[in-house]
């Protein structure tokens, strides 16, 4: 696990971990955290009940593991997920 993660990085990792379509491999490519390290980060940063809900949600979920996903899906997020503000 990287020595120091910024608060923004930690927040983004938590967000990615909650996202159904973002595989653990995308988190590892972006932040260098393998699934066990993401689990430790989530345990340390979520309330106990939220952690249990998250674990139940991601355990065995094909979309969270690249090896279980359809080979046609090669992105970590939906193209419309990050909307740009245009000065509005």
PDB file of N, CA and C in Angstrom:
ATOM      1  N   UNK A   1       0.849  -1.165   0.000  1.00  0.00           N
ATOM      2  CA  UNK A   1       0.000   0.000   0.000  1.00  0.00           C
ATOM      3  C   UNK A   1       0.897   1.230   0.000  1.00  0.00           C
ATOM      4  N   UNK A   2       0.532   2.268  -0.810  1.00  0.00           N
ATOM      5  CA  UNK A   2       1.342   3.483  -0.810  1.00  0.00           C
ATOM      6  C   UNK A   2       1.445   4.064   0.598  1.00  0.00           C
ATOM      7  N   UNK A   3       2.600   4.657   0.892  1.00  0.00           N
ATOM      8  CA  UNK A   3       2.858   5.166   2.239  1.00  0.00           C
ATOM      9  C   UNK A   3       1.817   6.194   2.670  1.00  0.00           C
ATOM     10  N   UNK A   4       1.562   7.180   1.853  1.00  0.00           N
ATOM     11  CA  UNK A   4       0.632   8.244   2.216  1.00  0.00           C
ATOM     12  C   UNK A   4      -0.367   8.486   1.090  1.00  0.00           C
ATOM     13  N   UNK A   5      -1.618   8.420   1.415  1.00  0.00           N
ATOM     14  CA  UNK A   5      -2.658   8.793   0.467  1.00  0.00           C
ATOM     15  C   UNK A   5      -3.255  10.104   0.948  1.00  0.00           C
ATOM     16  N   UNK A   6      -3.489  11.012   0.031  1.00  0.00           N
ATOM     17  CA  UNK A   6      -4.136  12.265   0.407  1.00  0.00           C
ATOM     18  C   UNK A   6      -5.592  11.980   0.764  1.00  0.00           C
ATOM     19  N   UNK A   7      -6.214  12.934   1.420  1.00  0.00           N
ATOM     20  CA  UNK A   7      -7.630  12.799   1.749  1.00  0.00           C
ATOM     21  C   UNK A   7      -8.452  12.674   0.465  1.00  0.00           C
ATOM     22  N   UNK A   8      -8.058  13.411  -0.572  1.00  0.00           N
ATOM     23  CA  UNK A   8      -8.774  13.338  -1.849  1.00  0.00           C
ATOM     24  C   UNK A   8      -8.621  11.953  -2.481  1.00  0.00           C
ATOM     25  N   UNK A   9      -7.401  11.387  -2.435  1.00  0.00           N
ATOM     26  CA  UNK A   9      -7.179  10.045  -2.983  1.00  0.00           C
ATOM     27  C   UNK A   9      -7.986   9.007  -2.213  1.00  0.00           C
ATOM     28  N   UNK A  10      -7.971   9.094  -0.898  1.00  0.00           N
ATOM     29  CA  UNK A  10      -8.732   8.155  -0.065  1.00  0.00           C
ATOM     30  C   UNK A  10     -10.217   8.247  -0.398  1.00  0.00           C
ATOM     31  N   UNK A  11     -10.714   9.461  -0.523  1.00  0.00           N
ATOM     32  CA  UNK A  11     -12.118   9.664  -0.860  1.00  0.00           C
ATOM     33  C   UNK A  11     -12.446   9.061  -2.220  1.00  0.00           C
ATOM     34  N   UNK A  12     -11.574   9.264  -3.191  1.00  0.00           N
ATOM     35  CA  UNK A  12     -11.814   8.734  -4.542  1.00  0.00           C
ATOM     36  C   UNK A  12     -11.755   7.212  -4.558  1.00  0.00           C
ATOM     37  N   UNK A  13     -10.843   6.627  -3.802  1.00  0.00           N
ATOM     38  CA  UNK A  13     -10.756   5.161  -3.723  1.00  0.00           C
ATOM     39  C   UNK A  13     -12.037   4.597  -3.121  1.00  0.00           C
ATOM     40  N   UNK A  14     -12.534   5.235  -2.072  1.00  0.00           N
ATOM     41  CA  UNK A  14     -13.789   4.791  -1.454  1.00  0.00           C
ATOM     42  C   UNK A  14     -14.932   4.892  -2.461  1.00  0.00           C
ATOM     43  N   UNK A  15     -14.973   5.991  -3.195  1.00  0.00           N
ATOM     44  CA  UNK A  15     -16.005   6.166  -4.214  1.00  0.00           C
ATOM     45  C   UNK A  15     -15.904   5.073  -5.282  1.00  0.00           C
ATOM     46  N   UNK A  16     -14.696   4.815  -5.760  1.00  0.00           N
ATOM     47  CA  UNK A  16     -14.500   3.776  -6.777  1.00  0.00           C
ATOM     48  C   UNK A  16     -14.887   2.398  -6.238  1.00  0.00           C
ATOM     49  N   UNK A  17     -14.564   2.134  -4.978  1.00  0.00           N
ATOM     50  CA  UNK A  17     -14.883   0.838  -4.382  1.00  0.00           C
ATOM     51  C   UNK A  17     -16.396   0.628  -4.283  1.00  0.00           C
ATOM     52  N   UNK A  18     -17.152   1.696  -4.044  1.00  0.00           N
ATOM     53  CA  UNK A  18     -18.609   1.594  -3.958  1.00  0.00           C
ATOM     54  C   UNK A  18     -19.245   1.453  -5.337  1.00  0.00           C
ATOM     55  N   UNK A  19     -18.590   1.959  -6.377  1.00  0.00           N
ATOM     56  CA  UNK A  19     -19.158   1.910  -7.722  1.00  0.00           C
ATOM     57  C   UNK A  19     -19.228   0.465  -8.223  1.00  0.00           C
ATOM     58  N   UNK A  20     -20.398   0.068  -8.667  1.00  0.00           N
ATOM     59  CA  UNK A  20     -20.593  -1.309  -9.118  1.00  0.00           C
ATOM     60  C   UNK A  20     -19.731  -1.661 -10.320  1.00  0.00           C
ATOM     61  N   UNK A  21     -19.530  -0.724 -11.221  1.00  0.00           N
ATOM     62  CA  UNK A  21     -18.854  -1.038 -12.482  1.00  0.00           C
ATOM     63  C   UNK A  21     -17.354  -0.784 -12.457  1.00  0.00           C
ATOM     64  N   UNK A  22     -16.816  -0.353 -11.346  1.00  0.00           N
ATOM     65  CA  UNK A  22     -15.379  -0.106 -11.263  1.00  0.00           C
ATOM     66  C   UNK A  22     -14.704  -1.322 -10.642  1.00  0.00           C
ATOM     67  N   UNK A  23     -13.919  -2.070 -11.418  1.00  0.00           N
ATOM     68  CA  UNK A  23     -13.275  -3.268 -10.863  1.00  0.00           C
ATOM     69  C   UNK A  23     -12.115  -2.909  -9.939  1.00  0.00           C
ATOM     70  N   UNK A  24     -11.798  -3.821  -9.053  1.00  0.00           N
ATOM     71  CA  UNK A  24     -10.662  -3.623  -8.149  1.00  0.00           C
ATOM     72  C   UNK A  24      -9.373  -3.399  -8.934  1.00  0.00           C
ATOM     73  N   UNK A  25      -9.278  -4.021 -10.101  1.00  0.00           N
ATOM     74  CA  UNK A  25      -8.072  -3.874 -10.922  1.00  0.00           C
ATOM     75  C   UNK A  25      -7.870  -2.421 -11.369  1.00  0.00           C
ATOM     76  N   UNK A  26      -8.962  -1.684 -11.586  1.00  0.00           N
ATOM     77  CA  UNK A  26      -8.851  -0.268 -11.961  1.00  0.00           C
ATOM     78  C   UNK A  26      -8.297   0.546 -10.793  1.00  0.00           C
ATOM     79  N   UNK A  27      -8.708   0.208  -9.580  1.00  0.00           N
ATOM     80  CA  UNK A  27      -8.176   0.889  -8.395  1.00  0.00           C
ATOM     81  C   UNK A  27      -6.689   0.575  -8.265  1.00  0.00           C
ATOM     82  N   UNK A  28      -6.324  -0.671  -8.528  1.00  0.00           N
ATOM     83  CA  UNK A  28      -4.915  -1.047  -8.428  1.00  0.00           C
ATOM     84  C   UNK A  28      -4.078  -0.317  -9.482  1.00  0.00           C
ATOM     85  N   UNK A  29      -4.576  -0.232 -10.707  1.00  0.00           N
ATOM     86  CA  UNK A  29      -3.835   0.481 -11.765  1.00  0.00           C
ATOM     87  C   UNK A  29      -3.675   1.962 -11.421  1.00  0.00           C
ATOM     88  N   UNK A  30      -4.707   2.567 -10.860  1.00  0.00           N
ATOM     89  CA  UNK A  30      -4.698   4.001 -10.601  1.00  0.00           C
ATOM     90  C   UNK A  30      -3.945   4.365  -9.328  1.00  0.00           C
ATOM     91  N   UNK A  31      -4.127   3.569  -8.261  1.00  0.00           N
ATOM     92  CA  UNK A  31      -3.589   3.933  -6.951  1.00  0.00           C
ATOM     93  C   UNK A  31      -2.593   2.939  -6.376  1.00  0.00           C
ATOM     94  N   UNK A  32      -2.397   1.805  -7.045  1.00  0.00           N
ATOM     95  CA  UNK A  32      -1.442   0.823  -6.552  1.00  0.00           C
ATOM     96  C   UNK A  32      -1.948  -0.015  -5.393  1.00  0.00           C
ATOM     97  N   UNK A  33      -3.260  -0.030  -5.173  1.00  0.00           N
ATOM     98  CA  UNK A  33      -3.841  -0.811  -4.076  1.00  0.00           C
ATOM     99  C   UNK A  33      -4.537  -2.050  -4.624  1.00  0.00           C
ATOM    100  N   UNK A  34      -4.066  -3.218  -4.234  1.00  0.00           N
ATOM    101  CA  UNK A  34      -4.732  -4.470  -4.610  1.00  0.00           C
ATOM    102  C   UNK A  34      -5.990  -4.627  -3.754  1.00  0.00           C
ATOM    103  N   UNK A  35      -6.837  -5.561  -4.120  1.00  0.00           N
ATOM    104  CA  UNK A  35      -8.111  -5.753  -3.418  1.00  0.00           C
ATOM    105  C   UNK A  35      -7.960  -5.863  -1.895  1.00  0.00           C
ATOM    106  N   UNK A  36      -7.020  -6.650  -1.357  1.00  0.00           N
ATOM    107  CA  UNK A  36      -6.912  -6.717   0.114  1.00  0.00           C
ATOM    108  C   UNK A  36      -6.605  -5.353   0.755  1.00  0.00           C
ATOM    109  N   UNK A  37      -5.815  -4.534   0.077  1.00  0.00           N
ATOM    110  CA  UNK A  37      -5.503  -3.205   0.609  1.00  0.00           C
ATOM    111  C   UNK A  37      -6.726  -2.293   0.547  1.00  0.00           C
ATOM    112  N   UNK A  38      -7.538  -2.440  -0.503  1.00  0.00           N
ATOM    113  CA  UNK A  38      -8.780  -1.659  -0.606  1.00  0.00           C
ATOM    114  C   UNK A  38      -9.718  -2.069   0.527  1.00  0.00           C
ATOM    115  N   UNK A  39      -9.791  -3.350   0.805  1.00  0.00           N
ATOM    116  CA  UNK A  39     -10.639  -3.842   1.902  1.00  0.00           C
ATOM    117  C   UNK A  39     -10.174  -3.237   3.223  1.00  0.00           C
ATOM    118  N   UNK A  40      -8.860  -3.226   3.453  1.00  0.00           N
ATOM    119  CA  UNK A  40      -8.333  -2.624   4.697  1.00  0.00           C
ATOM    120  C   UNK A  40      -8.655  -1.129   4.765  1.00  0.00           C
ATOM    121  N   UNK A  41      -8.498  -0.431   3.631  1.00  0.00           N
ATOM    122  CA  UNK A  41      -8.804   0.996   3.595  1.00  0.00           C
ATOM    123  C   UNK A  41     -10.281   1.233   3.900  1.00  0.00           C
ATOM    124  N   UNK A  42     -11.145   0.428   3.311  1.00  0.00           N
ATOM    125  CA  UNK A  42     -12.581   0.575   3.547  1.00  0.00           C
ATOM    126  C   UNK A  42     -12.920   0.282   5.012  1.00  0.00           C
ATOM    127  N   UNK A  43     -12.324  -0.745   5.569  1.00  0.00           N
ATOM    128  CA  UNK A  43     -12.583  -1.089   6.978  1.00  0.00           C
ATOM    129  C   UNK A  43     -12.160   0.063   7.896  1.00  0.00           C
ATOM    130  N   UNK A  44     -11.035   0.693   7.567  1.00  0.00           N
ATOM    131  CA  UNK A  44     -10.497   1.777   8.405  1.00  0.00           C
ATOM    132  C   UNK A  44     -11.279   3.085   8.261  1.00  0.00           C
ATOM    133  N   UNK A  45     -11.961   3.271   7.130  1.00  0.00           N
ATOM    134  CA  UNK A  45     -12.574   4.564   6.862  1.00  0.00           C
ATOM    135  C   UNK A  45     -14.096   4.578   6.867  1.00  0.00           C
ATOM    136  N   UNK A  46     -14.721   3.411   6.940  1.00  0.00           N
ATOM    137  CA  UNK A  46     -16.178   3.354   6.990  1.00  0.00           C
ATOM    138  C   UNK A  46     -16.637   2.954   8.382  1.00  0.00           C
ATOM    139  N   UNK A  47     -17.847   3.332   8.726  1.00  0.00           N
ATOM    140  CA  UNK A  47     -18.453   2.828   9.957  1.00  0.00           C
ATOM    141  C   UNK A  47     -18.654   1.330   9.782  1.00  0.00           C
ATOM    142  N   UNK A  48     -18.710   0.607  10.879  1.00  0.00           N
ATOM    143  CA  UNK A  48     -18.793  -0.856  10.831  1.00  0.00           C
ATOM    144  C   UNK A  48     -19.967  -1.339   9.976  1.00  0.00           C
ATOM    145  N   UNK A  49     -21.127  -0.738  10.153  1.00  0.00           N
ATOM    146  CA  UNK A  49     -22.303  -1.153   9.391  1.00  0.00           C
ATOM    147  C   UNK A  49     -22.151  -0.879   7.908  1.00  0.00           C
ATOM    148  N   UNK A  50     -21.570   0.263   7.573  1.00  0.00           N
ATOM    149  CA  UNK A  50     -21.338   0.601   6.163  1.00  0.00           C
ATOM    150  C   UNK A  50     -20.334  -0.348   5.544  1.00  0.00           C
ATOM    151  N   UNK A  51     -19.295  -0.710   6.302  1.00  0.00           N
ATOM    152  CA  UNK A  51     -18.313  -1.661   5.795  1.00  0.00           C
ATOM    153  C   UNK A  51     -18.967  -3.010   5.512  1.00  0.00           C
ATOM    154  N   UNK A  52     -19.804  -3.491   6.427  1.00  0.00           N
ATOM    155  CA  UNK A  52     -20.485  -4.777   6.222  1.00  0.00           C
ATOM    156  C   UNK A  52     -21.386  -4.734   4.985  1.00  0.00           C
ATOM    157  N   UNK A  53     -22.110  -3.622   4.804  1.00  0.00           N
ATOM    158  CA  UNK A  53     -22.959  -3.480   3.616  1.00  0.00           C
ATOM    159  C   UNK A  53     -22.122  -3.501   2.346  1.00  0.00           C
ATOM    160  N   UNK A  54     -20.999  -2.789   2.366  1.00  0.00           N
ATOM    161  CA  UNK A  54     -20.122  -2.747   1.195  1.00  0.00           C
ATOM    162  C   UNK A  54     -19.573  -4.136   0.884  1.00  0.00           C
ATOM    163  N   UNK A  55     -19.086  -4.844   1.905  1.00  0.00           N
ATOM    164  CA  UNK A  55     -18.521  -6.186   1.692  1.00  0.00           C
ATOM    165  C   UNK A  55     -19.576  -7.124   1.123  1.00  0.00           C
ATOM    166  N   UNK A  56     -20.791  -7.058   1.661  1.00  0.00           N
ATOM    167  CA  UNK A  56     -21.867  -7.914   1.150  1.00  0.00           C
ATOM    168  C   UNK A  56     -22.165  -7.558  -0.308  1.00  0.00           C
ATOM    169  N   UNK A  57     -22.082  -6.282  -0.629  1.00  0.00           N
ATOM    170  CA  UNK A  57     -22.389  -5.819  -1.987  1.00  0.00           C
ATOM    171  C   UNK A  57     -21.345  -6.276  -3.002  1.00  0.00           C
ATOM    172  N   UNK A  58     -20.064  -6.227  -2.651  1.00  0.00           N
ATOM    173  CA  UNK A  58     -19.019  -6.522  -3.634  1.00  0.00           C
ATOM    174  C   UNK A  58     -18.576  -7.976  -3.653  1.00  0.00           C
ATOM    175  N   UNK A  59     -18.868  -8.731  -2.620  1.00  0.00           N
ATOM    176  CA  UNK A  59     -18.429 -10.124  -2.578  1.00  0.00           C
ATOM    177  C   UNK A  59     -19.100 -10.923  -3.695  1.00  0.00           C
ATOM    178  N   UNK A  60     -18.279 -11.451  -4.580  1.00  0.00           N
ATOM    179  CA  UNK A  60     -18.781 -12.279  -5.673  1.00  0.00           C
ATOM    180  C   UNK A  60     -19.393 -11.516  -6.829  1.00  0.00           C
ATOM    181  N   UNK A  61     -19.374 -10.201  -6.780  1.00  0.00           N
ATOM    182  CA  UNK A  61     -19.957  -9.387  -7.853  1.00  0.00           C
ATOM    183  C   UNK A  61     -19.018  -9.402  -9.057  1.00  0.00           C
ATOM    184  N   UNK A  62     -19.495  -9.894 -10.174  1.00  0.00           N
ATOM    185  CA  UNK A  62     -18.656 -10.035 -11.360  1.00  0.00           C
ATOM    186  C   UNK A  62     -18.107  -8.693 -11.841  1.00  0.00           C
ATOM    187  N   UNK A  63     -18.883  -7.629 -11.701  1.00  0.00           N
ATOM    188  CA  UNK A  63     -18.438  -6.334 -12.217  1.00  0.00           C
ATOM    189  C   UNK A  63     -17.275  -5.751 -11.429  1.00  0.00           C
ATOM    190  N   UNK A  64     -16.990  -6.266 -10.231  1.00  0.00           N
ATOM    191  CA  UNK A  64     -15.883  -5.758  -9.424  1.00  0.00           C
ATOM    192  C   UNK A  64     -14.577  -6.486  -9.707  1.00  0.00           C
ATOM    193  N   UNK A  65     -14.606  -7.491 -10.570  1.00  0.00           N
ATOM    194  CA  UNK A  65     -13.416  -8.279 -10.875  1.00  0.00           C
ATOM    195  C   UNK A  65     -13.271  -8.408 -12.388  1.00  0.00           C
ATOM    196  N   UNK A  66     -12.204  -7.858 -12.931  1.00  0.00           N
ATOM    197  CA  UNK A  66     -12.012  -7.868 -14.386  1.00  0.00           C
ATOM    198  C   UNK A  66     -12.071  -9.271 -14.969  1.00  0.00           C
ATOM    199  N   UNK A  67     -11.555 -10.248 -14.254  1.00  0.00           N
ATOM    200  CA  UNK A  67     -11.528 -11.614 -14.779  1.00  0.00           C
ATOM    201  C   UNK A  67     -12.936 -12.189 -14.934  1.00  0.00           C
ATOM    202  N   UNK A  68     -13.899 -11.667 -14.205  1.00  0.00           N
ATOM    203  CA  UNK A  68     -15.267 -12.168 -14.267  1.00  0.00           C
ATOM    204  C   UNK A  68     -16.149 -11.342 -15.205  1.00  0.00           C
ATOM    205  N   UNK A  69     -15.613 -10.220 -15.688  1.00  0.00           N
ATOM    206  CA  UNK A  69     -16.384  -9.323 -16.548  1.00  0.00           C
ATOM    207  C   UNK A  69     -16.333  -9.767 -18.002  1.00  0.00           C
ATOM    208  N   UNK A  70     -17.266  -9.264 -18.762  1.00  0.00           N
ATOM    209  CA  UNK A  70     -17.250  -9.477 -20.201  1.00  0.00           C
ATOM    210  C   UNK A  70     -16.007  -8.810 -20.775  1.00  0.00           C
ATOM    211  N   UNK A  71     -15.304  -9.467 -21.694  1.00  0.00           N
ATOM    212  CA  UNK A  71     -14.094  -8.863 -22.269  1.00  0.00           C
ATOM    213  C   UNK A  71     -14.372  -7.582 -23.051  1.00  0.00           C
ATOM    214  N   UNK A  72     -15.622  -7.328 -23.444  1.00  0.00           N
ATOM    215  CA  UNK A  72     -15.948  -6.103 -24.162  1.00  0.00           C
ATOM    216  C   UNK A  72     -15.896  -4.873 -23.266  1.00  0.00           C
ATOM    217  N   UNK A  73     -15.973  -5.066 -21.945  1.00  0.00           N
ATOM    218  CA  UNK A  73     -15.947  -3.935 -21.020  1.00  0.00           C
ATOM    219  C   UNK A  73     -14.499  -3.726 -20.594  1.00  0.00           C
ATOM    220  N   UNK A  74     -13.902  -2.660 -21.121  1.00  0.00           N
ATOM    221  CA  UNK A  74     -12.491  -2.417 -20.800  1.00  0.00           C
ATOM    222  C   UNK A  74     -12.261  -1.083 -20.108  1.00  0.00           C
ATOM    223  N   UNK A  75     -13.330  -0.460 -19.650  1.00  0.00           N
ATOM    224  CA  UNK A  75     -13.186   0.831 -18.981  1.00  0.00           C
ATOM    225  C   UNK A  75     -13.477   0.671 -17.497  1.00  0.00           C
ATOM    226  N   UNK A  76     -13.065   1.657 -16.724  1.00  0.00           N
ATOM    227  CA  UNK A  76     -13.282   1.614 -15.282  1.00  0.00           C
ATOM    228  C   UNK A  76     -14.543   2.353 -14.870  1.00  0.00           C
ATOM    229  N   UNK A  77     -15.071   3.187 -15.763  1.00  0.00           N
ATOM    230  CA  UNK A  77     -16.253   3.946 -15.397  1.00  0.00           C
ATOM    231  C   UNK A  77     -17.086   4.245 -16.634  1.00  0.00           C
ATOM    232  N   UNK A  78     -18.316   4.647 -16.418  1.00  0.00           N
ATOM    233  CA  UNK A  78     -19.239   4.995 -17.484  1.00  0.00           C
ATOM    234  C   UNK A  78     -18.789   6.300 -18.135  1.00  0.00           C
ATOM    235  N   UNK A  79     -18.861   6.411 -19.457  1.00  0.00           N
ATOM    236  CA  UNK A  79     -18.411   7.633 -20.132  1.00  0.00           C
ATOM    237  C   UNK A  79     -19.129   8.900 -19.647  1.00  0.00           C
ATOM    238  N   UNK A  80     -20.359   8.781 -19.152  1.00  0.00           N
ATOM    239  CA  UNK A  80     -21.093   9.958 -18.683  1.00  0.00           C
ATOM    240  C   UNK A  80     -20.954  10.184 -17.182  1.00  0.00           C
ATOM    241  N   UNK A  81     -20.134   9.384 -16.520  1.00  0.00           N
ATOM    242  CA  UNK A  81     -20.010   9.472 -15.064  1.00  0.00           C
ATOM    243  C   UNK A  81     -19.435  10.807 -14.609  1.00  0.00           C
ATOM    244  N   UNK A  82     -18.454  11.321 -15.326  1.00  0.00           N
ATOM    245  CA  UNK A  82     -17.812  12.559 -14.927  1.00  0.00           C
ATOM    246  C   UNK A  82     -18.248  13.661 -15.864  1.00  0.00           C
ATOM    247  N   UNK A  83     -19.235  14.420 -15.429  1.00  0.00           N
ATOM    248  CA  UNK A  83     -19.779  15.493 -16.250  1.00  0.00           C
ATOM    249  C   UNK A  83     -18.935  16.753 -16.040  1.00  0.00           C
ATOM    250  N   UNK A  84     -18.669  17.444 -17.100  1.00  0.00           N
ATOM    251  CA  UNK A  84     -17.929  18.693 -17.049  1.00  0.00           C
ATOM    252  C   UNK A  84     -18.896  19.838 -16.819  1.00  0.00           C
ATOM    253  N   UNK A  85     -18.536  20.758 -15.931  1.00  0.00           N
ATOM    254  CA  UNK A  85     -19.362  21.959 -15.797  1.00  0.00           C
ATOM    255  C   UNK A  85     -18.846  22.962 -16.815  1.00  0.00           C
ATOM    256  N   UNK A  86     -19.737  23.679 -17.407  1.00  0.00           N
ATOM    257  CA  UNK A  86     -19.370  24.623 -18.455  1.00  0.00           C
ATOM    258  C   UNK A  86     -19.701  26.040 -18.014  1.00  0.00           C
ATOM    259  N   UNK A  87     -19.237  26.399 -16.807  1.00  0.00           N
ATOM    260  CA  UNK A  87     -19.424  27.751 -16.317  1.00  0.00           C
ATOM    261  C   UNK A  87     -20.850  28.081 -15.908  1.00  0.00           C
ATOM    262  N   UNK A  88     -21.635  27.053 -15.629  1.00  0.00           N
ATOM    263  CA  UNK A  88     -23.034  27.303 -15.245  1.00  0.00           C
ATOM    264  C   UNK A  88     -23.182  27.357 -13.766  1.00  0.00           C
TER     265      UNK A  88
END
